[in-house]
Amino acid sequence: MKVTVSRKAHFNAAHRLFNPAWSADKNEEVFGKCNNPEFHGHNYELIVSVKGEIDSRTGYVMDMKVLKDLIKDTIEDRFDHKNLNTQTEEFKSLNPTAENIAVVIFDLLRPHLNETLDLKITLYETPRNYVEYEG
């Protein structure tokens, strides 16, 4: 029997959606206000879900304290109150769309989890706009 456990987290970050291969007009046409050269920010809500078998010894799929610390150390400390375009290695050459941020978060967390566990990332950029990524 597989069970999913989830942990919510939060970080604030600024970004600019921009394709350097395009003209200013093309970037404005595609990204609109999100292409602001002075950047803009979001209060990101992150849900990290881990799915697996319940360990008969502990009753856990995964210790939630371990998951909480992993998210803080690997994601929140890395991205919170940062300009994603200029202050993070991950987005120096990758457009920091919600889709790309979710994939990056997945890739950062996946190596720290037991290979028998499934991982799903849900990232809310706004209360009404969110993406999900399962690898």
N, C-alpha and C. Protein backbone atom coordinates (compact mmCIF):
# COMPACT_ATOMS: atom_id res chain seq x y z
N MET A 1 0.84 -1.17 0.00
CA MET A 1 0.00 0.00 0.00
C MET A 1 0.89 1.25 0.00
N LYS A 2 0.68 2.11 -0.98
CA LYS A 2 1.46 3.35 -1.06
C LYS A 2 0.65 4.50 -0.50
N VAL A 3 1.34 5.37 0.23
CA VAL A 3 0.74 6.53 0.86
C VAL A 3 1.58 7.75 0.48
N THR A 4 0.91 8.89 0.30
CA THR A 4 1.60 10.14 0.00
C THR A 4 1.61 11.04 1.22
N VAL A 5 2.78 11.53 1.57
CA VAL A 5 2.92 12.54 2.62
C VAL A 5 3.42 13.82 1.95
N SER A 6 2.97 14.96 2.48
CA SER A 6 3.33 16.23 1.85
C SER A 6 3.74 17.24 2.91
N ARG A 7 4.64 18.12 2.51
CA ARG A 7 5.10 19.20 3.37
C ARG A 7 4.99 20.50 2.59
N LYS A 8 4.37 21.50 3.21
CA LYS A 8 4.26 22.83 2.61
C LYS A 8 5.43 23.68 3.04
N ALA A 9 5.90 24.50 2.12
CA ALA A 9 6.98 25.44 2.41
C ALA A 9 6.70 26.74 1.66
N HIS A 10 7.53 27.73 1.91
CA HIS A 10 7.29 29.05 1.35
C HIS A 10 8.62 29.73 1.10
N PHE A 11 8.72 30.45 0.00
CA PHE A 11 9.86 31.34 -0.21
C PHE A 11 9.43 32.53 -1.06
N ASN A 12 10.10 33.64 -0.86
CA ASN A 12 9.87 34.86 -1.64
C ASN A 12 11.05 35.04 -2.56
N ALA A 13 10.78 35.33 -3.83
CA ALA A 13 11.88 35.52 -4.76
C ALA A 13 11.45 36.45 -5.89
N ALA A 14 12.43 37.15 -6.44
CA ALA A 14 12.22 38.01 -7.60
C ALA A 14 12.75 37.30 -8.83
N HIS A 15 12.19 37.67 -9.99
CA HIS A 15 12.70 37.14 -11.25
C HIS A 15 12.25 38.02 -12.40
N ARG A 16 12.81 37.73 -13.55
CA ARG A 16 12.42 38.37 -14.80
C ARG A 16 12.36 37.27 -15.85
N LEU A 17 11.23 37.19 -16.55
CA LEU A 17 11.11 36.25 -17.64
C LEU A 17 11.62 36.94 -18.90
N PHE A 18 12.59 36.29 -19.54
CA PHE A 18 13.31 36.97 -20.61
C PHE A 18 14.06 35.93 -21.43
N ASN A 19 14.02 36.07 -22.74
CA ASN A 19 14.82 35.24 -23.63
C ASN A 19 15.84 36.14 -24.30
N PRO A 20 17.13 36.00 -23.97
CA PRO A 20 18.14 36.91 -24.50
C PRO A 20 18.31 36.82 -26.02
N ALA A 21 17.83 35.76 -26.63
CA ALA A 21 17.93 35.61 -28.08
C ALA A 21 16.87 36.43 -28.81
N TRP A 22 15.89 36.96 -28.07
CA TRP A 22 14.79 37.71 -28.68
C TRP A 22 15.01 39.21 -28.52
N SER A 23 14.32 39.97 -29.35
CA SER A 23 14.33 41.44 -29.25
C SER A 23 13.53 41.85 -28.01
N ALA A 24 13.71 43.11 -27.63
CA ALA A 24 12.93 43.66 -26.52
C ALA A 24 11.44 43.58 -26.82
N ASP A 25 11.07 43.86 -28.07
CA ASP A 25 9.65 43.81 -28.44
C ASP A 25 9.09 42.40 -28.34
N LYS A 26 9.85 41.42 -28.79
CA LYS A 26 9.39 40.02 -28.73
C LYS A 26 9.26 39.58 -27.27
N ASN A 27 10.23 39.93 -26.42
CA ASN A 27 10.14 39.60 -25.01
C ASN A 27 8.91 40.24 -24.37
N GLU A 28 8.65 41.49 -24.71
CA GLU A 28 7.48 42.19 -24.18
C GLU A 28 6.19 41.51 -24.65
N GLU A 29 6.16 41.13 -25.92
CA GLU A 29 4.98 40.47 -26.48
C GLU A 29 4.69 39.14 -25.78
N VAL A 30 5.72 38.34 -25.54
CA VAL A 30 5.55 37.01 -24.96
C VAL A 30 5.37 37.05 -23.45
N PHE A 31 6.18 37.84 -22.76
CA PHE A 31 6.22 37.80 -21.29
C PHE A 31 5.49 38.96 -20.61
N GLY A 32 5.16 40.00 -21.35
CA GLY A 32 4.41 41.12 -20.79
C GLY A 32 5.07 41.71 -19.55
N LYS A 33 4.27 41.94 -18.50
CA LYS A 33 4.78 42.55 -17.26
C LYS A 33 5.86 41.71 -16.61
N CYS A 34 5.86 40.41 -16.87
CA CYS A 34 6.87 39.53 -16.27
C CYS A 34 8.26 39.75 -16.86
N ASN A 35 8.34 40.55 -17.93
CA ASN A 35 9.62 40.87 -18.56
C ASN A 35 10.21 42.17 -18.02
N ASN A 36 9.66 42.72 -16.97
CA ASN A 36 10.15 43.98 -16.39
C ASN A 36 11.66 43.90 -16.15
N PRO A 37 12.45 44.78 -16.79
CA PRO A 37 13.91 44.75 -16.60
C PRO A 37 14.35 44.99 -15.16
N GLU A 38 13.46 45.55 -14.35
CA GLU A 38 13.78 45.77 -12.94
C GLU A 38 13.29 44.62 -12.06
N PHE A 39 12.78 43.56 -12.68
CA PHE A 39 12.34 42.35 -12.00
C PHE A 39 11.00 42.55 -11.28
N HIS A 40 10.44 41.47 -10.80
CA HIS A 40 9.22 41.49 -9.99
C HIS A 40 9.27 40.25 -9.11
N GLY A 41 8.44 40.21 -8.08
CA GLY A 41 8.55 39.13 -7.12
C GLY A 41 7.27 38.35 -6.89
N HIS A 42 7.43 37.19 -6.29
CA HIS A 42 6.32 36.32 -5.93
C HIS A 42 6.54 35.76 -4.53
N ASN A 43 5.43 35.45 -3.89
CA ASN A 43 5.44 34.69 -2.64
C ASN A 43 5.10 33.25 -3.03
N TYR A 44 6.12 32.47 -3.29
CA TYR A 44 5.92 31.11 -3.77
C TYR A 44 5.49 30.19 -2.64
N GLU A 45 4.49 29.38 -2.91
CA GLU A 45 4.06 28.32 -2.00
C GLU A 45 4.49 27.00 -2.63
N LEU A 46 5.19 26.20 -1.89
CA LEU A 46 5.74 24.95 -2.38
C LEU A 46 5.14 23.79 -1.59
N ILE A 47 4.70 22.77 -2.31
CA ILE A 47 4.26 21.53 -1.67
C ILE A 47 5.13 20.41 -2.22
N VAL A 48 5.84 19.76 -1.32
CA VAL A 48 6.68 18.62 -1.68
C VAL A 48 5.96 17.37 -1.20
N SER A 49 5.63 16.49 -2.15
CA SER A 49 4.91 15.26 -1.82
C SER A 49 5.79 14.06 -2.10
N VAL A 50 5.83 13.16 -1.13
CA VAL A 50 6.63 11.94 -1.22
C VAL A 50 5.68 10.75 -1.08
N LYS A 51 5.76 9.81 -2.02
CA LYS A 51 4.85 8.67 -2.02
C LYS A 51 5.66 7.38 -1.93
N GLY A 52 5.21 6.50 -1.06
CA GLY A 52 5.89 5.22 -0.90
C GLY A 52 5.17 4.31 0.07
N GLU A 53 5.80 3.18 0.31
CA GLU A 53 5.27 2.21 1.25
C GLU A 53 5.50 2.70 2.68
N ILE A 54 4.58 2.37 3.56
CA ILE A 54 4.73 2.69 4.98
C ILE A 54 5.74 1.71 5.58
N ASP A 55 6.74 2.25 6.25
CA ASP A 55 7.75 1.43 6.92
C ASP A 55 7.10 0.78 8.14
N SER A 56 7.11 -0.54 8.21
CA SER A 56 6.43 -1.25 9.30
C SER A 56 7.09 -0.99 10.66
N ARG A 57 8.35 -0.58 10.66
CA ARG A 57 9.04 -0.32 11.93
C ARG A 57 8.70 1.04 12.51
N THR A 58 8.54 2.06 11.61
CA THR A 58 8.31 3.42 12.09
C THR A 58 6.87 3.89 11.90
N GLY A 59 6.16 3.30 10.94
CA GLY A 59 4.84 3.79 10.57
C GLY A 59 4.88 4.97 9.63
N TYR A 60 6.09 5.36 9.21
CA TYR A 60 6.29 6.50 8.32
C TYR A 60 6.50 6.05 6.88
N VAL A 61 6.09 6.89 5.94
CA VAL A 61 6.60 6.82 4.57
C VAL A 61 7.97 7.50 4.58
N MET A 62 8.01 8.67 5.23
CA MET A 62 9.24 9.44 5.43
C MET A 62 9.05 10.28 6.66
N ASP A 63 10.07 10.40 7.46
CA ASP A 63 10.02 11.24 8.65
C ASP A 63 9.82 12.69 8.20
N MET A 64 8.72 13.31 8.63
CA MET A 64 8.38 14.66 8.19
C MET A 64 9.39 15.70 8.67
N LYS A 65 10.04 15.46 9.79
CA LYS A 65 11.10 16.37 10.26
C LYS A 65 12.27 16.34 9.29
N VAL A 66 12.60 15.16 8.80
CA VAL A 66 13.68 15.03 7.82
C VAL A 66 13.30 15.76 6.54
N LEU A 67 12.05 15.60 6.09
CA LEU A 67 11.59 16.28 4.88
C LEU A 67 11.59 17.80 5.08
N LYS A 68 11.13 18.26 6.23
CA LYS A 68 11.12 19.69 6.55
C LYS A 68 12.54 20.27 6.47
N ASP A 69 13.49 19.60 7.10
CA ASP A 69 14.87 20.08 7.11
C ASP A 69 15.48 20.04 5.71
N LEU A 70 15.16 19.02 4.94
CA LEU A 70 15.67 18.89 3.57
C LEU A 70 15.17 20.06 2.72
N ILE A 71 13.90 20.38 2.82
CA ILE A 71 13.34 21.48 2.04
C ILE A 71 13.98 22.80 2.46
N LYS A 72 14.13 23.01 3.76
CA LYS A 72 14.73 24.26 4.24
C LYS A 72 16.16 24.39 3.75
N ASP A 73 16.96 23.34 3.96
CA ASP A 73 18.39 23.40 3.62
C ASP A 73 18.64 23.46 2.12
N THR A 74 17.81 22.77 1.35
CA THR A 74 18.07 22.61 -0.09
C THR A 74 17.34 23.64 -0.94
N ILE A 75 16.17 24.08 -0.52
CA ILE A 75 15.36 24.98 -1.35
C ILE A 75 15.20 26.36 -0.71
N GLU A 76 14.63 26.41 0.47
CA GLU A 76 14.34 27.72 1.07
C GLU A 76 15.61 28.54 1.28
N ASP A 77 16.64 27.95 1.84
CA ASP A 77 17.88 28.69 2.07
C ASP A 77 18.52 29.14 0.76
N ARG A 78 18.30 28.40 -0.31
CA ARG A 78 18.89 28.70 -1.61
C ARG A 78 18.14 29.81 -2.35
N PHE A 79 16.80 29.83 -2.27
CA PHE A 79 16.00 30.72 -3.11
C PHE A 79 15.30 31.85 -2.37
N ASP A 80 15.10 31.75 -1.05
CA ASP A 80 14.31 32.74 -0.33
C ASP A 80 15.00 34.10 -0.33
N HIS A 81 14.23 35.13 -0.67
CA HIS A 81 14.70 36.52 -0.73
C HIS A 81 15.89 36.68 -1.67
N LYS A 82 15.81 35.99 -2.80
CA LYS A 82 16.85 36.09 -3.82
C LYS A 82 16.24 36.58 -5.12
N ASN A 83 17.09 37.16 -5.94
CA ASN A 83 16.75 37.42 -7.33
C ASN A 83 17.19 36.17 -8.07
N LEU A 84 16.25 35.40 -8.56
CA LEU A 84 16.58 34.10 -9.17
C LEU A 84 17.49 34.27 -10.38
N ASN A 85 17.29 35.32 -11.17
CA ASN A 85 18.10 35.52 -12.37
C ASN A 85 19.56 35.82 -12.06
N THR A 86 19.80 36.59 -11.00
CA THR A 86 21.15 37.10 -10.76
C THR A 86 21.86 36.48 -9.56
N GLN A 87 21.11 35.86 -8.65
CA GLN A 87 21.73 35.39 -7.41
C GLN A 87 21.73 33.87 -7.26
N THR A 88 21.27 33.16 -8.26
CA THR A 88 21.28 31.69 -8.17
C THR A 88 21.92 31.10 -9.41
N GLU A 89 22.76 30.11 -9.21
CA GLU A 89 23.43 29.45 -10.33
C GLU A 89 22.43 28.77 -11.26
N GLU A 90 21.38 28.20 -10.68
CA GLU A 90 20.42 27.41 -11.44
C GLU A 90 19.73 28.22 -12.54
N PHE A 91 19.57 29.53 -12.33
CA PHE A 91 18.80 30.34 -13.28
C PHE A 91 19.64 31.40 -13.99
N LYS A 92 20.95 31.29 -13.91
CA LYS A 92 21.81 32.24 -14.64
C LYS A 92 21.57 32.12 -16.14
N SER A 93 21.28 30.91 -16.61
CA SER A 93 21.05 30.71 -18.05
C SER A 93 19.75 29.95 -18.33
N LEU A 94 18.88 29.87 -17.33
CA LEU A 94 17.59 29.18 -17.47
C LEU A 94 16.49 30.16 -17.08
N ASN A 95 15.53 30.37 -17.97
CA ASN A 95 14.44 31.29 -17.71
C ASN A 95 13.65 30.81 -16.48
N PRO A 96 13.56 31.63 -15.41
CA PRO A 96 12.93 31.17 -14.17
C PRO A 96 11.40 31.21 -14.19
N THR A 97 10.82 30.50 -15.14
CA THR A 97 9.36 30.33 -15.16
C THR A 97 8.98 29.40 -14.01
N ALA A 98 7.72 29.40 -13.65
CA ALA A 98 7.25 28.48 -12.61
C ALA A 98 7.55 27.04 -13.00
N GLU A 99 7.39 26.73 -14.29
CA GLU A 99 7.68 25.37 -14.76
C GLU A 99 9.14 24.99 -14.52
N ASN A 100 10.05 25.89 -14.90
CA ASN A 100 11.47 25.60 -14.71
C ASN A 100 11.86 25.57 -13.24
N ILE A 101 11.26 26.44 -12.43
CA ILE A 101 11.57 26.42 -11.00
C ILE A 101 11.15 25.09 -10.38
N ALA A 102 9.97 24.59 -10.75
CA ALA A 102 9.50 23.30 -10.22
C ALA A 102 10.44 22.16 -10.61
N VAL A 103 10.91 22.15 -11.84
CA VAL A 103 11.83 21.10 -12.29
C VAL A 103 13.16 21.20 -11.54
N VAL A 104 13.67 22.41 -11.37
CA VAL A 104 14.91 22.60 -10.62
C VAL A 104 14.76 22.12 -9.18
N ILE A 105 13.65 22.45 -8.54
CA ILE A 105 13.42 22.00 -7.16
C ILE A 105 13.38 20.48 -7.11
N PHE A 106 12.69 19.86 -8.03
CA PHE A 106 12.65 18.40 -8.11
C PHE A 106 14.07 17.84 -8.21
N ASP A 107 14.84 18.38 -9.15
CA ASP A 107 16.21 17.88 -9.38
C ASP A 107 17.12 18.09 -8.17
N LEU A 108 16.88 19.14 -7.40
CA LEU A 108 17.68 19.38 -6.19
C LEU A 108 17.32 18.41 -5.07
N LEU A 109 16.03 18.08 -4.95
CA LEU A 109 15.57 17.21 -3.86
C LEU A 109 15.75 15.72 -4.15
N ARG A 110 15.55 15.33 -5.39
CA ARG A 110 15.52 13.89 -5.76
C ARG A 110 16.73 13.10 -5.25
N PRO A 111 17.96 13.60 -5.37
CA PRO A 111 19.11 12.81 -4.92
C PRO A 111 19.13 12.53 -3.41
N HIS A 112 18.37 13.29 -2.65
CA HIS A 112 18.37 13.14 -1.19
C HIS A 112 17.32 12.14 -0.69
N LEU A 113 16.51 11.62 -1.60
CA LEU A 113 15.43 10.72 -1.20
C LEU A 113 15.75 9.29 -1.59
N ASN A 114 15.24 8.36 -0.80
CA ASN A 114 15.38 6.95 -1.13
C ASN A 114 14.80 6.70 -2.51
N GLU A 115 15.49 5.89 -3.31
CA GLU A 115 15.06 5.65 -4.69
C GLU A 115 13.70 4.96 -4.79
N THR A 116 13.23 4.35 -3.69
CA THR A 116 11.91 3.70 -3.72
C THR A 116 10.76 4.69 -3.57
N LEU A 117 11.08 5.93 -3.23
CA LEU A 117 10.05 6.94 -3.02
C LEU A 117 9.80 7.74 -4.29
N ASP A 118 8.52 8.03 -4.57
CA ASP A 118 8.15 8.92 -5.67
C ASP A 118 8.11 10.34 -5.14
N LEU A 119 8.44 11.30 -6.00
CA LEU A 119 8.48 12.71 -5.60
C LEU A 119 7.59 13.51 -6.55
N LYS A 120 6.82 14.43 -5.97
CA LYS A 120 6.01 15.35 -6.75
C LYS A 120 6.18 16.75 -6.18
N ILE A 121 6.40 17.71 -7.06
CA ILE A 121 6.54 19.11 -6.68
C ILE A 121 5.31 19.87 -7.17
N THR A 122 4.69 20.62 -6.27
CA THR A 122 3.61 21.53 -6.63
C THR A 122 4.08 22.92 -6.21
N LEU A 123 4.13 23.83 -7.17
CA LEU A 123 4.62 25.18 -6.90
C LEU A 123 3.56 26.19 -7.31
N TYR A 124 3.09 26.95 -6.31
CA TYR A 124 2.15 28.04 -6.54
C TYR A 124 2.94 29.33 -6.72
N GLU A 125 2.79 29.95 -7.89
CA GLU A 125 3.41 31.25 -8.12
C GLU A 125 2.48 32.35 -7.62
N THR A 126 1.20 32.13 -7.77
CA THR A 126 0.16 32.99 -7.21
C THR A 126 -0.90 32.04 -6.63
N PRO A 127 -1.85 32.56 -5.88
CA PRO A 127 -2.88 31.66 -5.34
C PRO A 127 -3.67 30.91 -6.41
N ARG A 128 -3.70 31.44 -7.64
CA ARG A 128 -4.46 30.80 -8.71
C ARG A 128 -3.61 30.14 -9.79
N ASN A 129 -2.30 30.40 -9.81
CA ASN A 129 -1.41 29.84 -10.83
C ASN A 129 -0.41 28.90 -10.18
N TYR A 130 -0.43 27.65 -10.60
CA TYR A 130 0.53 26.70 -10.06
C TYR A 130 0.90 25.66 -11.10
N VAL A 131 2.03 25.02 -10.84
CA VAL A 131 2.51 23.93 -11.71
C VAL A 131 2.81 22.71 -10.84
N GLU A 132 2.76 21.54 -11.49
CA GLU A 132 3.11 20.29 -10.81
C GLU A 132 4.13 19.56 -11.67
N TYR A 133 5.08 18.92 -11.00
CA TYR A 133 6.10 18.16 -11.72
C TYR A 133 6.43 16.89 -10.94
N GLU A 134 6.44 15.77 -11.65
CA GLU A 134 6.71 14.46 -11.02
C GLU A 134 7.92 13.75 -11.63
N GLY A 135 8.68 14.43 -12.45
CA GLY A 135 9.88 13.79 -13.00
C GLY A 135 9.64 13.01 -14.25
